[in-house]
Amino acid sequence: MQGLQKEYKKWQRWFDLIWEDVQQQMRFLEIYKDLSVENIQGDRMKFIEECYFVQAAVALRRQFGIQKDEISLMKLLIQIKAEFSKIPQNCRLTEDELNSFIKTVQNIENKLGLYIDRKIVHMDKRPIASDLDRKGMLAALQSLAQIVGALHQFFFHNQ
């Protein structure tokens, strides 16, 4: 990546953190699924579900941030897009794929961001028109995992 060495190294550091976070979320999802089939009922299962979904919501929210001091999937994608013309054409990431990834993360943020901020992070009492449900959160986590998997190719097969 001639001309992008400094940015590319920073992006790799960020990607490593994002990769680990998303992989951790997928491990937590497997643990949650295992626990949900173990015939745990009542308040114990409600507690497990609440803990898992609050944790998953916060993990999703973490990947939307674009502030100066944040490291997130969205910020990484935006920075790669800003420098895309400097990336060799033989890399394993097309501009269309990158734009699709950004759009997917934006859609997840638009759907879940306000709900997460108001209802989970801040416990705001104002109503929110949202079709968010637990199934939607799981689908969002899986979408992020797919994007991160594709970016893995970019970072580890283009050197």
N, C-alpha and C. Protein backbone atom coordinates (compact mmCIF):
# COMPACT_ATOMS: atom_id res chain seq x y z
N MET A 1 0.84 -1.18 0.00
CA MET A 1 0.00 0.00 0.00
C MET A 1 0.89 1.25 0.00
N GLN A 2 1.59 1.46 -1.12
CA GLN A 2 2.46 2.61 -1.25
C GLN A 2 1.68 3.90 -1.00
N GLY A 3 2.26 4.81 -0.26
CA GLY A 3 1.62 6.08 0.02
C GLY A 3 0.60 6.05 1.14
N LEU A 4 0.31 4.85 1.64
CA LEU A 4 -0.69 4.72 2.70
C LEU A 4 -0.14 3.96 3.91
N GLN A 5 1.18 3.83 4.00
CA GLN A 5 1.74 2.99 5.06
C GLN A 5 1.26 3.41 6.45
N LYS A 6 1.31 4.69 6.75
CA LYS A 6 0.92 5.17 8.09
C LYS A 6 -0.57 4.89 8.33
N GLU A 7 -1.41 5.26 7.37
CA GLU A 7 -2.85 5.03 7.52
C GLU A 7 -3.15 3.54 7.60
N TYR A 8 -2.50 2.76 6.74
CA TYR A 8 -2.77 1.33 6.70
C TYR A 8 -2.41 0.66 8.03
N LYS A 9 -1.28 1.06 8.63
CA LYS A 9 -0.90 0.50 9.93
C LYS A 9 -1.93 0.87 11.01
N LYS A 10 -2.39 2.12 10.97
CA LYS A 10 -3.41 2.55 11.92
C LYS A 10 -4.69 1.75 11.70
N TRP A 11 -5.09 1.61 10.44
CA TRP A 11 -6.29 0.83 10.13
C TRP A 11 -6.16 -0.61 10.59
N GLN A 12 -4.98 -1.18 10.45
CA GLN A 12 -4.77 -2.56 10.91
C GLN A 12 -4.92 -2.65 12.43
N ARG A 13 -4.37 -1.69 13.15
CA ARG A 13 -4.53 -1.68 14.62
C ARG A 13 -6.01 -1.57 14.99
N TRP A 14 -6.71 -0.67 14.32
CA TRP A 14 -8.14 -0.52 14.57
C TRP A 14 -8.87 -1.81 14.23
N PHE A 15 -8.54 -2.37 13.07
CA PHE A 15 -9.23 -3.58 12.64
C PHE A 15 -9.03 -4.70 13.66
N ASP A 16 -7.82 -4.84 14.17
CA ASP A 16 -7.57 -5.88 15.18
C ASP A 16 -8.51 -5.73 16.38
N LEU A 17 -8.72 -4.50 16.84
CA LEU A 17 -9.63 -4.25 17.96
C LEU A 17 -11.08 -4.56 17.58
N ILE A 18 -11.48 -4.13 16.40
CA ILE A 18 -12.84 -4.38 15.92
C ILE A 18 -13.06 -5.87 15.72
N TRP A 19 -12.09 -6.54 15.11
CA TRP A 19 -12.17 -7.98 14.87
C TRP A 19 -12.39 -8.73 16.19
N GLU A 20 -11.57 -8.41 17.18
CA GLU A 20 -11.68 -9.08 18.47
C GLU A 20 -13.03 -8.81 19.12
N ASP A 21 -13.50 -7.58 19.03
CA ASP A 21 -14.79 -7.23 19.61
C ASP A 21 -15.93 -8.01 18.94
N VAL A 22 -15.93 -8.05 17.63
CA VAL A 22 -17.01 -8.75 16.91
C VAL A 22 -16.91 -10.25 17.15
N GLN A 23 -15.71 -10.80 17.17
CA GLN A 23 -15.55 -12.23 17.45
C GLN A 23 -16.05 -12.55 18.86
N GLN A 24 -15.76 -11.66 19.81
CA GLN A 24 -16.25 -11.85 21.18
C GLN A 24 -17.78 -11.85 21.20
N GLN A 25 -18.39 -10.96 20.45
CA GLN A 25 -19.85 -10.91 20.39
C GLN A 25 -20.43 -12.20 19.81
N MET A 26 -19.76 -12.76 18.82
CA MET A 26 -20.24 -14.01 18.24
C MET A 26 -20.08 -15.17 19.24
N ARG A 27 -19.00 -15.15 20.03
CA ARG A 27 -18.85 -16.17 21.09
C ARG A 27 -19.96 -16.01 22.13
N PHE A 28 -20.23 -14.76 22.52
CA PHE A 28 -21.31 -14.51 23.49
C PHE A 28 -22.65 -14.99 22.93
N LEU A 29 -22.88 -14.80 21.64
CA LEU A 29 -24.12 -15.24 21.02
C LEU A 29 -24.25 -16.76 21.12
N GLU A 30 -23.17 -17.47 20.88
CA GLU A 30 -23.21 -18.94 20.99
C GLU A 30 -23.49 -19.37 22.43
N ILE A 31 -22.89 -18.70 23.39
CA ILE A 31 -23.15 -19.01 24.80
C ILE A 31 -24.62 -18.75 25.13
N TYR A 32 -25.14 -17.61 24.67
CA TYR A 32 -26.55 -17.29 24.90
C TYR A 32 -27.45 -18.37 24.29
N LYS A 33 -27.16 -18.77 23.06
CA LYS A 33 -27.98 -19.81 22.42
C LYS A 33 -27.91 -21.12 23.20
N ASP A 34 -26.71 -21.47 23.67
CA ASP A 34 -26.57 -22.70 24.47
C ASP A 34 -27.40 -22.61 25.75
N LEU A 35 -27.35 -21.47 26.42
CA LEU A 35 -28.11 -21.32 27.67
C LEU A 35 -29.61 -21.32 27.42
N SER A 36 -30.03 -20.77 26.29
CA SER A 36 -31.47 -20.67 26.04
C SER A 36 -32.10 -22.02 25.72
N VAL A 37 -31.31 -23.03 25.42
CA VAL A 37 -31.88 -24.36 25.16
C VAL A 37 -31.70 -25.31 26.36
N GLU A 38 -31.15 -24.80 27.45
CA GLU A 38 -30.89 -25.63 28.62
C GLU A 38 -32.05 -25.69 29.60
N ASN A 39 -33.22 -25.32 29.16
CA ASN A 39 -34.41 -25.42 29.99
C ASN A 39 -34.33 -24.51 31.23
N ILE A 40 -33.66 -23.38 31.10
CA ILE A 40 -33.65 -22.38 32.16
C ILE A 40 -34.92 -21.56 31.97
N GLN A 41 -35.67 -21.36 33.05
CA GLN A 41 -36.97 -20.71 32.92
C GLN A 41 -37.13 -19.59 33.92
N GLY A 42 -38.21 -18.86 33.73
CA GLY A 42 -38.60 -17.84 34.69
C GLY A 42 -37.64 -16.67 34.77
N ASP A 43 -37.48 -16.17 36.01
CA ASP A 43 -36.66 -14.99 36.23
C ASP A 43 -35.20 -15.20 35.84
N ARG A 44 -34.70 -16.41 36.00
CA ARG A 44 -33.30 -16.68 35.64
C ARG A 44 -33.08 -16.45 34.14
N MET A 45 -34.02 -16.96 33.32
CA MET A 45 -33.88 -16.80 31.88
C MET A 45 -34.10 -15.34 31.48
N LYS A 46 -35.03 -14.66 32.13
CA LYS A 46 -35.24 -13.24 31.86
C LYS A 46 -33.96 -12.45 32.15
N PHE A 47 -33.31 -12.78 33.26
CA PHE A 47 -32.06 -12.12 33.62
C PHE A 47 -30.99 -12.39 32.56
N ILE A 48 -30.83 -13.64 32.15
CA ILE A 48 -29.83 -13.99 31.14
C ILE A 48 -30.12 -13.25 29.83
N GLU A 49 -31.37 -13.25 29.41
CA GLU A 49 -31.74 -12.56 28.18
C GLU A 49 -31.46 -11.07 28.28
N GLU A 50 -31.87 -10.47 29.38
CA GLU A 50 -31.67 -9.03 29.54
C GLU A 50 -30.18 -8.69 29.53
N CYS A 51 -29.40 -9.43 30.25
CA CYS A 51 -27.94 -9.18 30.28
C CYS A 51 -27.33 -9.35 28.89
N TYR A 52 -27.70 -10.42 28.21
CA TYR A 52 -27.13 -10.65 26.88
C TYR A 52 -27.51 -9.52 25.92
N PHE A 53 -28.79 -9.17 25.86
CA PHE A 53 -29.24 -8.18 24.87
C PHE A 53 -28.78 -6.76 25.19
N VAL A 54 -28.66 -6.41 26.45
CA VAL A 54 -28.10 -5.10 26.78
C VAL A 54 -26.63 -5.07 26.36
N GLN A 55 -25.90 -6.12 26.68
CA GLN A 55 -24.50 -6.20 26.28
C GLN A 55 -24.36 -6.16 24.76
N ALA A 56 -25.22 -6.88 24.04
CA ALA A 56 -25.16 -6.91 22.58
C ALA A 56 -25.49 -5.54 22.00
N ALA A 57 -26.46 -4.85 22.58
CA ALA A 57 -26.83 -3.52 22.10
C ALA A 57 -25.68 -2.54 22.27
N VAL A 58 -25.03 -2.58 23.41
CA VAL A 58 -23.89 -1.69 23.64
C VAL A 58 -22.75 -2.03 22.68
N ALA A 59 -22.53 -3.30 22.44
CA ALA A 59 -21.48 -3.71 21.49
C ALA A 59 -21.79 -3.20 20.09
N LEU A 60 -23.05 -3.28 19.68
CA LEU A 60 -23.44 -2.73 18.38
C LEU A 60 -23.18 -1.23 18.33
N ARG A 61 -23.63 -0.54 19.36
CA ARG A 61 -23.48 0.92 19.42
C ARG A 61 -22.02 1.34 19.32
N ARG A 62 -21.15 0.55 19.90
CA ARG A 62 -19.72 0.84 19.88
C ARG A 62 -19.17 0.90 18.44
N GLN A 63 -19.79 0.21 17.51
CA GLN A 63 -19.28 0.16 16.13
C GLN A 63 -19.80 1.29 15.24
N PHE A 64 -20.63 2.19 15.79
CA PHE A 64 -21.18 3.30 15.00
C PHE A 64 -20.39 4.59 15.13
N GLY A 65 -19.61 4.74 16.20
CA GLY A 65 -19.00 6.03 16.54
C GLY A 65 -18.00 6.53 15.52
N ILE A 66 -18.03 7.85 15.28
CA ILE A 66 -17.08 8.46 14.34
C ILE A 66 -16.37 9.67 14.95
N GLN A 67 -16.47 9.82 16.26
CA GLN A 67 -15.79 10.94 16.91
C GLN A 67 -14.28 10.73 16.90
N LYS A 68 -13.56 11.80 17.14
CA LYS A 68 -12.09 11.79 17.05
C LYS A 68 -11.46 10.69 17.90
N ASP A 69 -11.96 10.49 19.10
CA ASP A 69 -11.33 9.54 20.02
C ASP A 69 -11.92 8.14 19.96
N GLU A 70 -12.78 7.87 18.99
CA GLU A 70 -13.42 6.56 18.89
C GLU A 70 -12.76 5.69 17.84
N ILE A 71 -12.78 4.40 18.08
CA ILE A 71 -12.40 3.41 17.09
C ILE A 71 -13.64 2.58 16.84
N SER A 72 -14.09 2.54 15.60
CA SER A 72 -15.31 1.80 15.28
C SER A 72 -15.24 1.30 13.85
N LEU A 73 -16.11 0.38 13.56
CA LEU A 73 -16.21 -0.13 12.19
C LEU A 73 -16.60 0.99 11.23
N MET A 74 -17.58 1.81 11.61
CA MET A 74 -18.00 2.90 10.73
C MET A 74 -16.87 3.87 10.45
N LYS A 75 -16.14 4.24 11.46
CA LYS A 75 -15.04 5.19 11.27
C LYS A 75 -13.96 4.58 10.38
N LEU A 76 -13.66 3.31 10.57
CA LEU A 76 -12.69 2.62 9.73
C LEU A 76 -13.13 2.63 8.27
N LEU A 77 -14.39 2.29 8.02
CA LEU A 77 -14.91 2.25 6.65
C LEU A 77 -14.86 3.63 6.00
N ILE A 78 -15.22 4.66 6.75
CA ILE A 78 -15.20 6.03 6.22
C ILE A 78 -13.77 6.45 5.87
N GLN A 79 -12.82 6.10 6.72
CA GLN A 79 -11.43 6.48 6.43
C GLN A 79 -10.88 5.72 5.23
N ILE A 80 -11.21 4.46 5.11
CA ILE A 80 -10.77 3.70 3.92
C ILE A 80 -11.38 4.32 2.67
N LYS A 81 -12.66 4.67 2.73
CA LYS A 81 -13.32 5.29 1.57
C LYS A 81 -12.63 6.60 1.18
N ALA A 82 -12.25 7.40 2.17
CA ALA A 82 -11.60 8.69 1.89
C ALA A 82 -10.27 8.51 1.17
N GLU A 83 -9.61 7.39 1.38
CA GLU A 83 -8.30 7.13 0.76
C GLU A 83 -8.38 6.07 -0.34
N PHE A 84 -9.57 5.71 -0.74
CA PHE A 84 -9.73 4.56 -1.65
C PHE A 84 -8.98 4.73 -2.96
N SER A 85 -8.89 5.96 -3.46
CA SER A 85 -8.19 6.18 -4.74
C SER A 85 -6.70 5.84 -4.65
N LYS A 86 -6.15 5.81 -3.45
CA LYS A 86 -4.74 5.47 -3.25
C LYS A 86 -4.50 3.99 -3.04
N ILE A 87 -5.58 3.22 -2.90
CA ILE A 87 -5.46 1.79 -2.64
C ILE A 87 -5.26 1.07 -3.98
N PRO A 88 -4.29 0.18 -4.08
CA PRO A 88 -4.05 -0.53 -5.34
C PRO A 88 -5.31 -1.23 -5.86
N GLN A 89 -5.45 -1.23 -7.18
CA GLN A 89 -6.64 -1.83 -7.79
C GLN A 89 -6.72 -3.34 -7.58
N ASN A 90 -5.60 -3.97 -7.29
CA ASN A 90 -5.61 -5.42 -7.11
C ASN A 90 -5.96 -5.84 -5.68
N CYS A 91 -6.35 -4.88 -4.84
CA CYS A 91 -6.72 -5.24 -3.46
C CYS A 91 -8.02 -6.03 -3.49
N ARG A 92 -8.31 -6.70 -2.40
CA ARG A 92 -9.47 -7.58 -2.32
C ARG A 92 -10.72 -6.85 -1.83
N LEU A 93 -10.83 -5.59 -2.14
CA LEU A 93 -11.98 -4.80 -1.72
C LEU A 93 -12.32 -3.83 -2.84
N THR A 94 -13.54 -3.90 -3.33
CA THR A 94 -13.95 -2.96 -4.37
C THR A 94 -14.64 -1.76 -3.74
N GLU A 95 -14.71 -0.70 -4.49
CA GLU A 95 -15.39 0.49 -3.99
C GLU A 95 -16.88 0.21 -3.79
N ASP A 96 -17.47 -0.60 -4.66
CA ASP A 96 -18.88 -0.97 -4.48
C ASP A 96 -19.10 -1.75 -3.18
N GLU A 97 -18.18 -2.67 -2.88
CA GLU A 97 -18.29 -3.42 -1.62
C GLU A 97 -18.18 -2.48 -0.42
N LEU A 98 -17.21 -1.58 -0.50
CA LEU A 98 -16.99 -0.62 0.59
C LEU A 98 -18.24 0.24 0.79
N ASN A 99 -18.81 0.74 -0.29
CA ASN A 99 -20.03 1.54 -0.19
C ASN A 99 -21.18 0.73 0.38
N SER A 100 -21.27 -0.53 -0.01
CA SER A 100 -22.31 -1.41 0.53
C SER A 100 -22.13 -1.63 2.03
N PHE A 101 -20.88 -1.82 2.46
CA PHE A 101 -20.60 -1.99 3.89
C PHE A 101 -21.02 -0.75 4.67
N ILE A 102 -20.66 0.42 4.15
CA ILE A 102 -21.01 1.67 4.83
C ILE A 102 -22.53 1.80 4.92
N LYS A 103 -23.21 1.51 3.83
CA LYS A 103 -24.67 1.61 3.82
C LYS A 103 -25.29 0.64 4.82
N THR A 104 -24.76 -0.57 4.91
CA THR A 104 -25.28 -1.55 5.86
C THR A 104 -25.11 -1.07 7.29
N VAL A 105 -23.92 -0.56 7.62
CA VAL A 105 -23.68 -0.07 8.99
C VAL A 105 -24.58 1.14 9.27
N GLN A 106 -24.74 2.03 8.29
CA GLN A 106 -25.64 3.18 8.47
C GLN A 106 -27.07 2.72 8.71
N ASN A 107 -27.51 1.72 7.96
CA ASN A 107 -28.88 1.20 8.15
C ASN A 107 -29.06 0.61 9.54
N ILE A 108 -28.06 -0.13 10.01
CA ILE A 108 -28.13 -0.69 11.36
C ILE A 108 -28.17 0.44 12.39
N GLU A 109 -27.31 1.42 12.20
CA GLU A 109 -27.29 2.54 13.15
C GLU A 109 -28.63 3.28 13.13
N ASN A 110 -29.18 3.52 11.94
CA ASN A 110 -30.46 4.23 11.86
C ASN A 110 -31.57 3.45 12.55
N LYS A 111 -31.54 2.15 12.42
CA LYS A 111 -32.58 1.31 13.00
C LYS A 111 -32.40 1.15 14.51
N LEU A 112 -31.17 0.95 14.93
CA LEU A 112 -30.92 0.60 16.33
C LEU A 112 -30.35 1.72 17.19
N GLY A 113 -29.67 2.67 16.57
CA GLY A 113 -28.92 3.67 17.32
C GLY A 113 -29.74 4.45 18.33
N LEU A 114 -30.86 5.02 17.88
CA LEU A 114 -31.68 5.81 18.78
C LEU A 114 -32.26 4.95 19.90
N TYR A 115 -32.71 3.76 19.54
CA TYR A 115 -33.26 2.85 20.55
C TYR A 115 -32.20 2.51 21.60
N ILE A 116 -31.02 2.16 21.14
CA ILE A 116 -29.94 1.80 22.06
C ILE A 116 -29.60 2.97 22.97
N ASP A 117 -29.42 4.15 22.37
CA ASP A 117 -29.06 5.31 23.18
C ASP A 117 -30.14 5.67 24.19
N ARG A 118 -31.40 5.69 23.76
CA ARG A 118 -32.47 6.12 24.66
C ARG A 118 -32.90 5.04 25.64
N LYS A 119 -33.09 3.84 25.19
CA LYS A 119 -33.70 2.82 26.04
C LYS A 119 -32.71 1.97 26.82
N ILE A 120 -31.52 1.82 26.31
CA ILE A 120 -30.56 0.96 27.00
C ILE A 120 -29.48 1.77 27.69
N VAL A 121 -28.90 2.70 26.98
CA VAL A 121 -27.81 3.48 27.56
C VAL A 121 -28.34 4.50 28.57
N HIS A 122 -29.43 5.20 28.21
CA HIS A 122 -29.91 6.29 29.06
C HIS A 122 -31.25 6.03 29.74
N MET A 123 -31.93 4.95 29.46
CA MET A 123 -33.23 4.62 30.03
C MET A 123 -34.22 5.77 29.92
N ASP A 124 -34.23 6.41 28.77
CA ASP A 124 -35.12 7.52 28.45
C ASP A 124 -36.56 6.99 28.38
N LYS A 125 -37.51 7.72 28.93
CA LYS A 125 -38.91 7.27 28.97
C LYS A 125 -39.71 7.66 27.73
N ARG A 126 -39.16 8.53 26.87
CA ARG A 126 -39.90 8.94 25.68
C ARG A 126 -40.11 7.75 24.75
N PRO A 127 -41.30 7.67 24.14
CA PRO A 127 -41.55 6.55 23.21
C PRO A 127 -40.73 6.69 21.93
N ILE A 128 -40.43 5.55 21.35
CA ILE A 128 -39.68 5.51 20.09
C ILE A 128 -40.44 4.60 19.13
N ALA A 129 -40.66 5.11 17.94
CA ALA A 129 -41.26 4.26 16.90
C ALA A 129 -40.12 3.44 16.31
N SER A 130 -40.08 2.18 16.67
CA SER A 130 -38.99 1.32 16.20
C SER A 130 -39.50 -0.10 16.05
N ASP A 131 -39.02 -0.74 15.02
CA ASP A 131 -39.37 -2.15 14.85
C ASP A 131 -38.26 -3.03 15.42
N LEU A 132 -37.47 -2.44 16.31
CA LEU A 132 -36.39 -3.19 16.92
C LEU A 132 -36.94 -4.33 17.75
N ASP A 133 -36.36 -5.46 17.58
CA ASP A 133 -36.64 -6.57 18.46
C ASP A 133 -35.34 -7.35 18.62
N ARG A 134 -35.38 -8.37 19.41
CA ARG A 134 -34.16 -9.13 19.67
C ARG A 134 -33.67 -9.84 18.42
N LYS A 135 -34.58 -10.28 17.59
CA LYS A 135 -34.20 -10.92 16.34
C LYS A 135 -33.46 -9.92 15.44
N GLY A 136 -33.93 -8.67 15.43
CA GLY A 136 -33.27 -7.62 14.65
C GLY A 136 -31.86 -7.34 15.14
N MET A 137 -31.68 -7.39 16.46
CA MET A 137 -30.35 -7.17 17.03
C MET A 137 -29.41 -8.30 16.64
N LEU A 138 -29.90 -9.53 16.69
CA LEU A 138 -29.07 -10.67 16.29
C LEU A 138 -28.70 -10.58 14.81
N ALA A 139 -29.64 -10.18 13.97
CA ALA A 139 -29.36 -10.03 12.54
C ALA A 139 -28.32 -8.93 12.32
N ALA A 140 -28.40 -7.85 13.09
CA ALA A 140 -27.44 -6.76 12.97
C ALA A 140 -26.03 -7.23 13.36
N LEU A 141 -25.93 -7.98 14.45
CA LEU A 141 -24.63 -8.52 14.86
C LEU A 141 -24.05 -9.42 13.77
N GLN A 142 -24.88 -10.24 13.17
CA GLN A 142 -24.40 -11.15 12.12
C GLN A 142 -23.98 -10.37 10.88
N SER A 143 -24.68 -9.29 10.55
CA SER A 143 -24.28 -8.45 9.42
C SER A 143 -22.92 -7.82 9.67
N LEU A 144 -22.72 -7.31 10.88
CA LEU A 144 -21.41 -6.72 11.21
C LEU A 144 -20.31 -7.78 11.13
N ALA A 145 -20.60 -8.97 11.59
CA ALA A 145 -19.61 -10.05 11.53
C ALA A 145 -19.25 -10.38 10.08
N GLN A 146 -20.22 -10.35 9.18
CA GLN A 146 -19.94 -10.61 7.76
C GLN A 146 -19.05 -9.52 7.17
N ILE A 147 -19.33 -8.28 7.51
CA ILE A 147 -18.52 -7.17 7.00
C ILE A 147 -17.09 -7.29 7.52
N VAL A 148 -16.95 -7.57 8.80
CA VAL A 148 -15.63 -7.69 9.40
C VAL A 148 -14.88 -8.88 8.77
N GLY A 149 -15.59 -9.95 8.49
CA GLY A 149 -14.97 -11.09 7.80
C GLY A 149 -14.44 -10.70 6.43
N ALA A 150 -15.20 -9.92 5.70
CA ALA A 150 -14.75 -9.46 4.38
C ALA A 150 -13.55 -8.52 4.51
N LEU A 151 -13.57 -7.65 5.51
CA LEU A 151 -12.44 -6.75 5.72
C LEU A 151 -11.17 -7.51 6.14
N HIS A 152 -11.36 -8.65 6.77
CA HIS A 152 -10.22 -9.48 7.14
C HIS A 152 -9.40 -9.82 5.89
N GLN A 153 -10.08 -10.13 4.80
CA GLN A 153 -9.41 -10.41 3.53
C GLN A 153 -8.58 -9.20 3.08
N PHE A 154 -9.17 -8.01 3.21
CA PHE A 154 -8.48 -6.78 2.81
C PHE A 154 -7.21 -6.57 3.62
N PHE A 155 -7.29 -6.77 4.93
CA PHE A 155 -6.14 -6.49 5.77
C PHE A 155 -5.08 -7.58 5.79
N PHE A 156 -5.45 -8.80 5.56
CA PHE A 156 -4.48 -9.88 5.72
C PHE A 156 -4.14 -10.63 4.46
N HIS A 157 -4.70 -10.21 3.33
CA HIS A 157 -4.35 -10.86 2.07
C HIS A 157 -3.93 -9.86 1.01
N ASN A 158 -3.59 -8.64 1.43
CA ASN A 158 -3.14 -7.60 0.50
C ASN A 158 -1.75 -7.07 0.84
N GLN A 159 -1.01 -7.81 1.58
CA GLN A 159 0.29 -7.28 2.02
C GLN A 159 1.41 -7.72 1.09
